[in-house]
Protein backbone atom coordinates (compact mmCIF):
# COMPACT_ATOMS: atom_id res chain seq x y z
CA UNK A 1 281.08 -15.29 -19.15
CA UNK A 2 279.38 -18.64 -18.65
CA UNK A 3 275.74 -19.08 -17.81
CA UNK A 4 276.67 -20.70 -14.49
CA UNK A 5 278.61 -17.66 -13.25
CA UNK A 6 275.80 -15.42 -14.45
CA UNK A 7 273.29 -17.29 -12.30
CA UNK A 8 275.70 -17.44 -9.38
CA UNK A 9 276.37 -13.69 -9.49
CA UNK A 10 272.69 -12.81 -9.57
CA UNK A 11 271.92 -15.35 -6.87
CA UNK A 12 274.59 -13.90 -4.58
CA UNK A 13 273.30 -10.36 -5.09
CA UNK A 14 269.69 -11.51 -4.63
CA UNK A 15 270.46 -13.29 -1.36
CA UNK A 16 272.47 -10.28 -0.16
CA UNK A 17 269.52 -7.97 -0.89
CA UNK A 18 266.99 -10.30 0.75
CA UNK A 19 269.11 -10.70 3.90
CA UNK A 20 269.55 -6.91 4.16
CA UNK A 21 265.82 -6.49 3.56
CA UNK A 22 264.90 -8.97 6.29
CA UNK A 23 267.27 -7.33 8.77
CA UNK A 24 265.77 -3.91 8.02
CA UNK A 25 262.26 -5.37 8.26
CA UNK A 26 263.00 -6.66 11.77
CA UNK A 27 264.68 -3.39 12.71
CA UNK A 28 261.70 -1.38 11.44
CA UNK A 29 259.20 -3.55 13.30
CA UNK A 30 261.32 -3.28 16.44
CA UNK A 31 261.45 0.50 16.15
CA UNK A 32 257.69 0.68 15.71
CA UNK A 33 257.31 -1.34 18.93
CA UNK A 34 259.54 1.19 20.70
CA UNK A 35 257.62 4.30 19.61
CA UNK A 36 255.79 4.68 22.93
CA UNK A 37 258.29 2.83 25.12
CA UNK A 38 260.73 4.37 27.57
CA UNK A 39 263.72 3.88 25.29
CA UNK A 40 266.25 5.40 27.71
CA UNK A 41 265.18 2.99 30.47
CA UNK A 42 265.35 0.02 28.12
CA UNK A 43 268.78 1.14 26.93
CA UNK A 44 270.01 1.44 30.53
CA UNK A 45 268.77 -2.08 31.24
CA UNK A 46 270.60 -3.31 28.14
CA UNK A 47 273.83 -1.67 29.31
CA UNK A 48 273.46 -3.37 32.71
CA UNK A 49 272.63 -6.74 31.13
CA UNK A 50 275.73 -6.54 28.93
CA UNK A 51 277.84 -5.48 31.95
CA UNK A 52 279.11 -2.39 30.15
CA UNK A 53 280.83 0.39 32.04
CA UNK A 54 278.12 3.05 32.38
CA UNK A 55 280.79 5.62 33.36
CA UNK A 56 282.52 5.31 29.99
CA UNK A 57 282.42 8.49 27.88
CA UNK A 58 281.15 6.55 24.85
CA UNK A 59 278.36 4.84 26.79
CA UNK A 60 277.43 8.12 28.47
CA UNK A 61 277.24 9.87 25.08
CA UNK A 62 275.05 7.05 23.74
CA UNK A 63 272.73 7.29 26.76
CA UNK A 64 272.33 11.03 26.18
CA UNK A 65 271.51 10.48 22.50
CA UNK A 66 269.01 7.71 23.26
CA UNK A 67 267.43 9.84 25.99
CA UNK A 68 266.98 12.71 23.49
CA UNK A 69 265.06 10.53 21.00
CA UNK A 70 261.52 11.70 20.40
CA UNK A 71 258.68 9.26 19.60
CA UNK A 72 258.12 10.85 16.18
CA UNK A 73 261.81 10.32 15.31
CA UNK A 74 261.58 6.65 16.26
CA UNK A 75 258.36 6.30 14.25
CA UNK A 76 259.94 7.96 11.22
CA UNK A 77 263.04 5.76 11.47
CA UNK A 78 260.83 2.68 11.71
CA UNK A 79 258.76 3.65 8.67
CA UNK A 80 261.85 4.50 6.60
CA UNK A 81 263.39 1.17 7.60
CA UNK A 82 260.23 -0.70 6.54
CA UNK A 83 260.08 1.15 3.22
CA UNK A 84 263.73 0.45 2.44
CA UNK A 85 263.25 -3.18 3.51
CA UNK A 86 260.36 -3.54 1.07
CA UNK A 87 262.46 -2.16 -1.77
CA UNK A 88 265.38 -4.48 -0.94
CA UNK A 89 263.07 -7.50 -0.78
CA UNK A 90 261.53 -6.60 -4.15
CA UNK A 91 265.01 -6.18 -5.64
CA UNK A 92 266.19 -9.47 -4.17
CA UNK A 93 263.22 -11.52 -5.36
CA UNK A 94 263.30 -9.84 -8.79
CA UNK A 95 267.01 -10.56 -9.17
CA UNK A 96 266.51 -14.15 -8.02
CA UNK A 97 263.95 -14.53 -10.82
CA UNK A 98 266.37 -12.72 -13.16
CA UNK A 99 263.98 -9.97 -14.21
CA UNK A 100 265.42 -7.05 -16.15
CA UNK A 101 263.36 -4.52 -14.21
CA UNK A 102 264.91 -5.75 -10.95
CA UNK A 103 268.41 -5.19 -12.30
CA UNK A 104 267.49 -1.65 -13.38
CA UNK A 105 265.87 -0.95 -10.00
CA UNK A 106 268.92 -2.27 -8.15
CA UNK A 107 271.35 -0.29 -10.30
CA UNK A 108 269.40 2.94 -9.74
CA UNK A 109 268.78 2.47 -6.01
CA UNK A 110 272.35 1.36 -5.29
CA UNK A 111 273.86 4.11 -7.47
CA UNK A 112 271.87 6.77 -5.63
CA UNK A 113 273.63 5.81 -2.39
CA UNK A 114 277.16 5.80 -3.83
CA UNK A 115 277.79 9.56 -3.39
CA UNK A 116 276.84 9.32 0.30
CA UNK A 117 279.06 6.27 0.77
CA UNK A 118 281.95 8.05 -0.97
CA UNK A 119 281.42 11.07 1.29
CA UNK A 120 281.54 8.79 4.34
CA UNK A 121 284.83 7.29 3.15
CA UNK A 122 286.29 10.76 2.57
CA UNK A 123 285.14 11.94 6.01
CA UNK A 124 286.73 8.99 7.80
CA UNK A 125 288.43 6.09 6.09
CA UNK A 126 287.60 2.72 7.65
CA UNK A 127 287.66 -0.82 6.33
CA UNK A 128 283.88 -1.10 6.79
CA UNK A 129 283.13 2.08 4.84
CA UNK A 130 285.53 1.21 2.03
CA UNK A 131 284.13 -2.34 1.96
CA UNK A 132 280.52 -1.14 1.67
CA UNK A 133 281.48 1.24 -1.13
CA UNK A 134 283.37 -1.47 -3.02
CA UNK A 135 280.60 -4.06 -2.64
CA UNK A 136 278.02 -1.63 -3.98
CA UNK A 137 280.28 -0.60 -6.87
CA UNK A 138 280.78 -4.27 -7.79
CA UNK A 139 277.01 -4.87 -7.67
CA UNK A 140 276.29 -1.87 -9.91
CA UNK A 141 278.97 -2.72 -12.48
CA UNK A 142 278.04 -6.41 -12.53
CA UNK A 143 274.36 -5.67 -13.11
CA UNK A 144 275.16 -3.09 -15.80
CA UNK A 145 277.29 -5.68 -17.58
CA UNK A 146 274.44 -8.18 -17.40
CA UNK A 147 271.99 -5.61 -18.73
CA UNK A 148 274.32 -4.78 -21.63
CA UNK A 149 274.54 -8.47 -22.50
CA UNK A 150 270.75 -8.83 -22.35
CA UNK A 151 271.10 -11.94 -20.23
CA UNK A 152 268.18 -11.13 -17.96
CA UNK A 153 264.56 -11.97 -18.61
CA UNK A 154 262.03 -9.32 -19.51
CA UNK A 155 258.29 -9.73 -19.11
CA UNK A 156 257.97 -10.28 -22.85
CA UNK A 157 260.02 -13.49 -22.59
CA UNK A 158 258.02 -15.02 -19.75
CA UNK A 159 255.89 -18.06 -20.57
CA UNK A 160 252.26 -17.13 -21.05
CA UNK A 161 249.60 -18.84 -19.02
CA UNK A 162 246.38 -18.26 -20.92
CA UNK A 163 243.42 -19.40 -18.92
CA UNK A 164 240.39 -20.80 -20.64
CA UNK A 165 237.33 -18.69 -20.03
């Protein structure tokens, strides 16, 4: 494999992780803003603004679920989202800089989710679920191949910046 494709593959994965991390960061911050808000009222206003049929079974089921949300559940979801966003951003930046530790972190964190994604595909096959599973499998196998080839930088190979004291 050429050096160019190596950099391109890592760059694509890094950007993918950073974009996911930023989306989850915004989601988490939004959820934290909603902790003490009247979520059901806001959701009803959203349904009206989007001109959705409020009598639809799907919309009605969603309204009931949103109405049942408790502030502590919204807070927990927001905090989990922020934590996962932080990890994705660290992975993305580390992969962009081609650090070995970032590849290991990404392989472990992505691999831990594969059984859940496989379960989701088995429960109900959809293009989205299969696509997510395949993308994550490609990421894991690509990073493992890069780690086996020792093409990533470790801290030992970074240039030293000794400061004069």
